[in-house]
Amino acid sequence: MYASLSKGDLRTIQQDLLKRDVKELLEKQRILVLLDNYETVSKANQVETLQFFNSIRGTSQVLISTRYRPDWFLKQDNENIYRMVHVLIHVDGLSAENTKKMVQEFLRTKELPPNVADEKDVLHLAKITQNNPKTILVLLGLVEQGMSLSQLLEKITSQTADVNHVFDLIIDYTWKEMLSKDEINLLMTKALFNHSVSPEDLEQISGVKGNRLESAIKTLATISIFEHSGTEKTGVRIRTHSLAQEFAKHVLRDNRAFKYQRNTLDHV
């Protein structure tokens, strides 16, 4: 039924209808579902997703890969939750040596001085990211914006010991301390769409144009909040990292300091 639909088309289908059809399929057939990179799913959605799969009756199974073990999952008293979701794989990230090489290569490519990230900083980086290459790249992208790695790690981790959700901390810090008005504007505009959009879409709705638009998109891509994709047919499409998208949606919904004025999101 859904085989011919694109990801954008799938997002237009009502969630209740989609869940019903997925549940019916999994109960009728024997299917192995792979949920990869589960650490990129928010805590609330992790719980909701596993509760959904646990409600299914049949022989289908769910295999989860994650670099951060969800503590709430491992502490569940209800053993039934393991009936279907019975395998939780802890996927290691890069080796310590490869993390070091990755940082060195980044500094060399960006022509940044080596003292921006000394050996002690790299060890700290590896520890709090659990060698997750995606999270490492995000932090290095912030370093490229002008802060030393030691300063950045200290600021991000100083308020909490919950390193299992370091990407949440990164987004929160970036939002409060590093994004310009144009970058915030684009992030809020993109949060209005569940699907990927073109730069022209962002320009038309946000009111950020020309060089300002290009600069803001480049910065958001550098720190891995925006990600580019597309083909010759579709042109450049921009999507938002899932946790950044959810963060921005919550800001739009809960923070009355943001409102539309003349087709532009202004921080007032």
Protein backbone atom coordinates (compact mmCIF):
# COMPACT_ATOMS: atom_id res chain seq x y z
CA MET A 1 0.00 0.00 0.00
CA TYR A 2 2.77 2.44 0.96
CA ALA A 3 5.59 1.04 -1.19
CA SER A 4 5.28 3.71 -3.89
CA LEU A 5 5.10 6.65 -1.47
CA SER A 6 8.03 8.92 -0.66
CA LYS A 7 9.05 9.82 2.89
CA GLY A 8 7.34 13.17 2.42
CA ASP A 9 4.11 11.46 1.35
CA LEU A 10 4.25 9.10 4.33
CA ARG A 11 4.43 12.06 6.70
CA THR A 12 1.11 13.34 5.37
CA ILE A 13 -0.73 10.19 6.49
CA GLN A 14 -2.52 10.40 9.83
CA GLN A 15 -0.42 8.72 12.52
CA ASP A 16 -3.28 6.65 13.89
CA LEU A 17 -3.98 5.23 10.42
CA LEU A 18 -0.31 4.52 9.77
CA LYS A 19 0.13 2.81 13.16
CA ARG A 20 -2.95 0.69 12.55
CA ASP A 21 -1.65 -0.53 9.19
CA VAL A 22 1.87 -1.18 10.51
CA LYS A 23 0.48 -3.13 13.46
CA GLU A 24 -1.75 -5.20 11.17
CA LEU A 25 1.20 -6.02 8.90
CA LEU A 26 3.50 -7.03 11.78
CA GLU A 27 0.82 -9.24 13.31
CA LYS A 28 -0.03 -10.99 10.04
CA GLN A 29 3.55 -11.61 8.89
CA ARG A 30 6.83 -12.59 10.52
CA ILE A 31 9.02 -9.48 10.15
CA LEU A 32 12.28 -8.32 11.68
CA VAL A 33 12.20 -4.58 12.33
CA LEU A 34 15.55 -2.79 12.71
CA LEU A 35 15.55 0.47 14.66
CA ASP A 36 18.99 1.91 14.02
CA ASN A 37 20.72 4.83 15.79
CA TYR A 38 18.12 4.76 18.55
CA GLU A 39 20.07 7.33 20.53
CA THR A 40 18.85 9.99 18.06
CA VAL A 41 15.24 9.42 19.16
CA SER A 42 14.00 11.57 22.04
CA LYS A 43 13.32 9.94 25.41
CA ALA A 44 9.55 10.41 25.09
CA ASN A 45 9.47 8.92 21.60
CA GLN A 46 11.69 6.02 22.68
CA VAL A 47 9.13 5.06 25.29
CA GLU A 48 6.16 5.55 22.96
CA THR A 49 7.80 3.55 20.16
CA LEU A 50 8.63 0.55 22.34
CA GLN A 51 5.18 0.59 23.93
CA PHE A 52 3.72 0.44 20.42
CA PHE A 53 5.83 -2.54 19.41
CA ASN A 54 5.16 -4.26 22.73
CA SER A 55 1.41 -4.07 22.07
CA ILE A 56 1.74 -6.16 18.91
CA ARG A 57 0.74 -9.80 19.01
CA GLY A 58 2.52 -12.11 16.60
CA THR A 59 5.95 -13.47 15.74
CA SER A 60 7.59 -10.27 14.46
CA GLN A 61 10.62 -9.02 16.37
CA VAL A 62 12.37 -5.69 16.87
CA LEU A 63 16.15 -5.28 16.85
CA ILE A 64 17.49 -2.02 18.28
CA SER A 65 20.97 -0.57 17.83
CA THR A 66 22.02 2.32 20.01
CA ARG A 67 25.20 3.88 21.33
CA TYR A 68 23.44 5.02 24.51
CA ARG A 69 21.54 2.40 26.49
CA PRO A 70 18.13 3.82 27.55
CA ASP A 71 18.30 3.49 31.35
CA TRP A 72 14.53 3.53 31.78
CA PHE A 73 14.27 0.53 29.45
CA LEU A 74 16.76 -1.55 31.39
CA LYS A 75 15.01 -0.78 34.69
CA GLN A 76 11.53 -1.88 33.58
CA ASP A 77 9.88 -4.25 36.08
CA ASN A 78 7.40 -5.48 33.49
CA GLU A 79 9.20 -8.35 31.78
CA ASN A 80 6.55 -8.43 29.05
CA ILE A 81 8.20 -5.45 27.42
CA TYR A 82 11.04 -7.79 26.45
CA ARG A 83 8.69 -10.28 24.79
CA MET A 84 8.94 -8.66 21.39
CA VAL A 85 11.68 -6.11 21.88
CA HIS A 86 14.09 -8.73 23.13
CA VAL A 87 17.45 -7.59 21.77
CA LEU A 88 19.16 -4.33 22.61
CA ILE A 89 22.56 -3.94 20.97
CA HIS A 90 25.04 -1.47 22.33
CA VAL A 91 26.99 -0.27 19.30
CA ASP A 92 30.40 1.16 20.03
CA GLY A 93 31.50 4.24 18.17
CA LEU A 94 34.95 4.92 16.83
CA SER A 95 38.03 3.58 18.52
CA ALA A 96 39.96 6.05 20.66
CA GLU A 97 42.68 6.19 18.01
CA ASN A 98 40.18 6.89 15.23
CA THR A 99 38.53 9.61 17.29
CA LYS A 100 41.94 11.25 17.65
CA LYS A 101 42.58 10.95 13.92
CA MET A 102 39.14 12.37 13.15
CA VAL A 103 39.80 15.45 15.29
CA GLN A 104 43.27 15.97 13.80
CA GLU A 105 41.91 15.66 10.26
CA PHE A 106 39.14 18.14 11.03
CA LEU A 107 41.57 20.70 12.44
CA ARG A 108 43.87 20.25 9.44
CA THR A 109 41.06 20.56 6.87
CA LYS A 110 39.60 23.65 8.55
CA GLU A 111 43.11 25.12 9.08
CA LEU A 112 42.52 25.48 12.81
CA PRO A 113 45.45 25.55 15.25
CA PRO A 114 46.22 22.22 17.00
CA ASN A 115 45.91 23.84 20.46
CA VAL A 116 42.17 24.27 19.87
CA ALA A 117 41.88 20.62 20.94
CA ASP A 118 44.77 19.10 22.90
CA GLU A 119 45.10 15.41 23.80
CA LYS A 120 43.28 15.85 27.13
CA ASP A 121 40.39 17.56 25.34
CA VAL A 122 40.14 14.72 22.81
CA LEU A 123 39.99 12.13 25.60
CA HIS A 124 37.22 14.13 27.27
CA LEU A 125 35.42 14.42 23.93
CA ALA A 126 35.61 10.65 23.40
CA LYS A 127 34.26 9.99 26.90
CA ILE A 128 31.17 12.20 26.78
CA THR A 129 30.27 11.26 23.19
CA GLN A 130 31.09 7.57 23.66
CA ASN A 131 33.03 7.94 20.40
CA ASN A 132 29.83 8.65 18.44
CA PRO A 133 31.15 10.14 15.16
CA LYS A 134 27.96 12.14 14.53
CA THR A 135 28.08 13.87 17.90
CA ILE A 136 31.82 14.45 17.57
CA LEU A 137 31.28 16.21 14.24
CA VAL A 138 28.60 18.43 15.77
CA LEU A 139 30.95 19.50 18.56
CA LEU A 140 33.80 20.08 16.12
CA GLY A 141 31.43 22.17 14.02
CA LEU A 142 30.86 24.38 17.06
CA VAL A 143 34.62 24.60 17.61
CA GLU A 144 34.87 25.89 14.04
CA GLN A 145 32.63 28.78 15.11
CA GLY A 146 35.40 30.07 17.37
CA MET A 147 35.45 28.26 20.73
CA SER A 148 38.13 25.94 22.04
CA LEU A 149 37.06 22.35 22.59
CA SER A 150 37.82 22.47 26.32
CA GLN A 151 35.63 25.57 26.79
CA LEU A 152 32.81 24.01 24.81
CA LEU A 153 32.86 20.68 26.66
CA GLU A 154 32.95 22.46 30.02
CA LYS A 155 29.98 24.67 29.16
CA ILE A 156 27.88 21.83 27.80
CA THR A 157 28.50 19.38 30.65
CA SER A 158 28.74 21.82 33.59
CA GLN A 159 25.00 21.78 34.36
CA THR A 160 24.36 18.04 34.26
CA ALA A 161 26.04 14.67 34.45
CA ASP A 162 23.61 13.13 31.95
CA VAL A 163 26.13 12.49 29.19
CA ASN A 164 23.83 9.83 27.70
CA HIS A 165 21.90 12.65 26.07
CA VAL A 166 24.76 14.93 25.15
CA PHE A 167 23.18 15.82 21.80
CA ASP A 168 20.23 17.37 23.69
CA LEU A 169 22.71 19.42 25.69
CA ILE A 170 24.50 20.51 22.52
CA ILE A 171 21.29 21.72 20.90
CA ASP A 172 20.22 23.57 24.04
CA TYR A 173 23.60 25.27 24.39
CA THR A 174 23.78 26.12 20.69
CA TRP A 175 20.30 27.63 20.77
CA LYS A 176 21.03 29.81 23.80
CA GLU A 177 24.57 30.89 23.05
CA MET A 178 25.61 30.54 19.43
CA LEU A 179 22.79 30.96 16.90
CA SER A 180 22.22 34.31 15.23
CA LYS A 181 18.76 35.77 14.68
CA ASP A 182 18.78 34.57 11.05
CA GLU A 183 19.82 31.05 12.08
CA ILE A 184 17.11 30.89 14.74
CA ASN A 185 14.63 32.19 12.18
CA LEU A 186 15.50 29.42 9.71
CA LEU A 187 15.43 26.70 12.36
CA MET A 188 11.98 27.84 13.50
CA THR A 189 10.75 28.04 9.90
CA LYS A 190 12.02 24.53 9.13
CA ALA A 191 10.24 23.25 12.25
CA LEU A 192 6.93 24.04 10.53
CA PHE A 193 7.62 21.22 8.06
CA ASN A 194 7.97 17.51 8.82
CA HIS A 195 9.46 16.90 5.38
CA SER A 196 12.62 18.24 3.75
CA VAL A 197 12.39 21.66 2.12
CA SER A 198 14.28 23.66 -0.48
CA PRO A 199 16.30 26.79 0.33
CA GLU A 200 13.67 28.69 -1.66
CA ASP A 201 10.97 27.43 0.75
CA LEU A 202 12.96 28.72 3.71
CA GLU A 203 13.64 32.03 2.01
CA GLN A 204 10.02 32.66 1.12
CA ILE A 205 8.62 31.91 4.57
CA SER A 206 11.41 33.18 6.81
CA GLY A 207 12.18 36.39 4.96
CA VAL A 208 15.93 35.68 5.22
CA LYS A 209 17.32 36.27 1.76
CA GLY A 210 20.47 36.35 -0.37
CA ASN A 211 23.83 36.14 1.35
CA ARG A 212 22.19 36.09 4.79
CA LEU A 213 20.25 32.97 3.80
CA GLU A 214 23.34 31.22 2.43
CA SER A 215 25.40 32.11 5.51
CA ALA A 216 22.74 30.91 7.97
CA ILE A 217 22.19 27.62 6.12
CA LYS A 218 25.96 27.05 5.97
CA THR A 219 26.37 27.59 9.72
CA LEU A 220 23.44 25.30 10.59
CA ALA A 221 24.89 22.64 8.28
CA THR A 222 28.37 23.05 9.81
CA ILE A 223 27.04 22.20 13.25
CA SER A 224 24.92 19.36 11.81
CA ILE A 225 21.55 20.86 12.71
CA PHE A 226 20.73 21.14 9.01
CA GLU A 227 21.58 18.30 6.64
CA HIS A 228 21.57 18.50 2.84
CA SER A 229 20.23 15.94 0.42
CA GLY A 230 18.67 15.89 -3.02
CA THR A 231 19.01 14.78 -6.60
CA GLU A 232 19.29 16.47 -9.97
CA LYS A 233 15.53 16.11 -10.24
CA THR A 234 14.56 17.48 -6.83
CA GLY A 235 17.39 19.96 -6.33
CA VAL A 236 18.86 20.73 -2.91
CA ARG A 237 16.63 19.65 -0.04
CA ILE A 238 17.23 20.57 3.60
CA ARG A 239 16.22 18.45 6.56
CA THR A 240 16.82 18.95 10.27
CA HIS A 241 18.47 16.53 12.67
CA SER A 242 15.57 14.75 14.40
CA LEU A 243 16.38 16.02 17.91
CA ALA A 244 16.94 19.58 16.67
CA GLN A 245 13.61 19.42 14.81
CA GLU A 246 11.80 18.27 17.94
CA PHE A 247 13.54 20.94 20.03
CA ALA A 248 12.47 23.67 17.58
CA LYS A 249 8.88 22.38 17.51
CA HIS A 250 8.70 22.60 21.28
CA VAL A 251 9.97 26.19 21.16
CA LEU A 252 7.31 27.10 18.60
CA ARG A 253 4.60 25.44 20.65
CA ASP A 254 5.58 26.50 24.16
CA ASN A 255 7.55 29.75 23.91
CA ARG A 256 5.32 32.75 23.37
CA ALA A 257 8.40 34.91 22.82
CA PHE A 258 8.20 33.79 19.19
CA LYS A 259 5.45 34.95 16.88
CA TYR A 260 4.89 35.69 13.22
CA GLN A 261 5.17 39.28 12.05
CA ARG A 262 5.10 40.14 8.34
CA ASN A 263 5.90 36.52 7.39
CA THR A 264 9.03 36.58 9.55
CA LEU A 265 9.72 34.89 12.89
CA ASP A 266 11.07 37.63 15.14
CA HIS A 267 12.68 37.05 18.52
CA VAL A 268 10.96 39.62 20.70
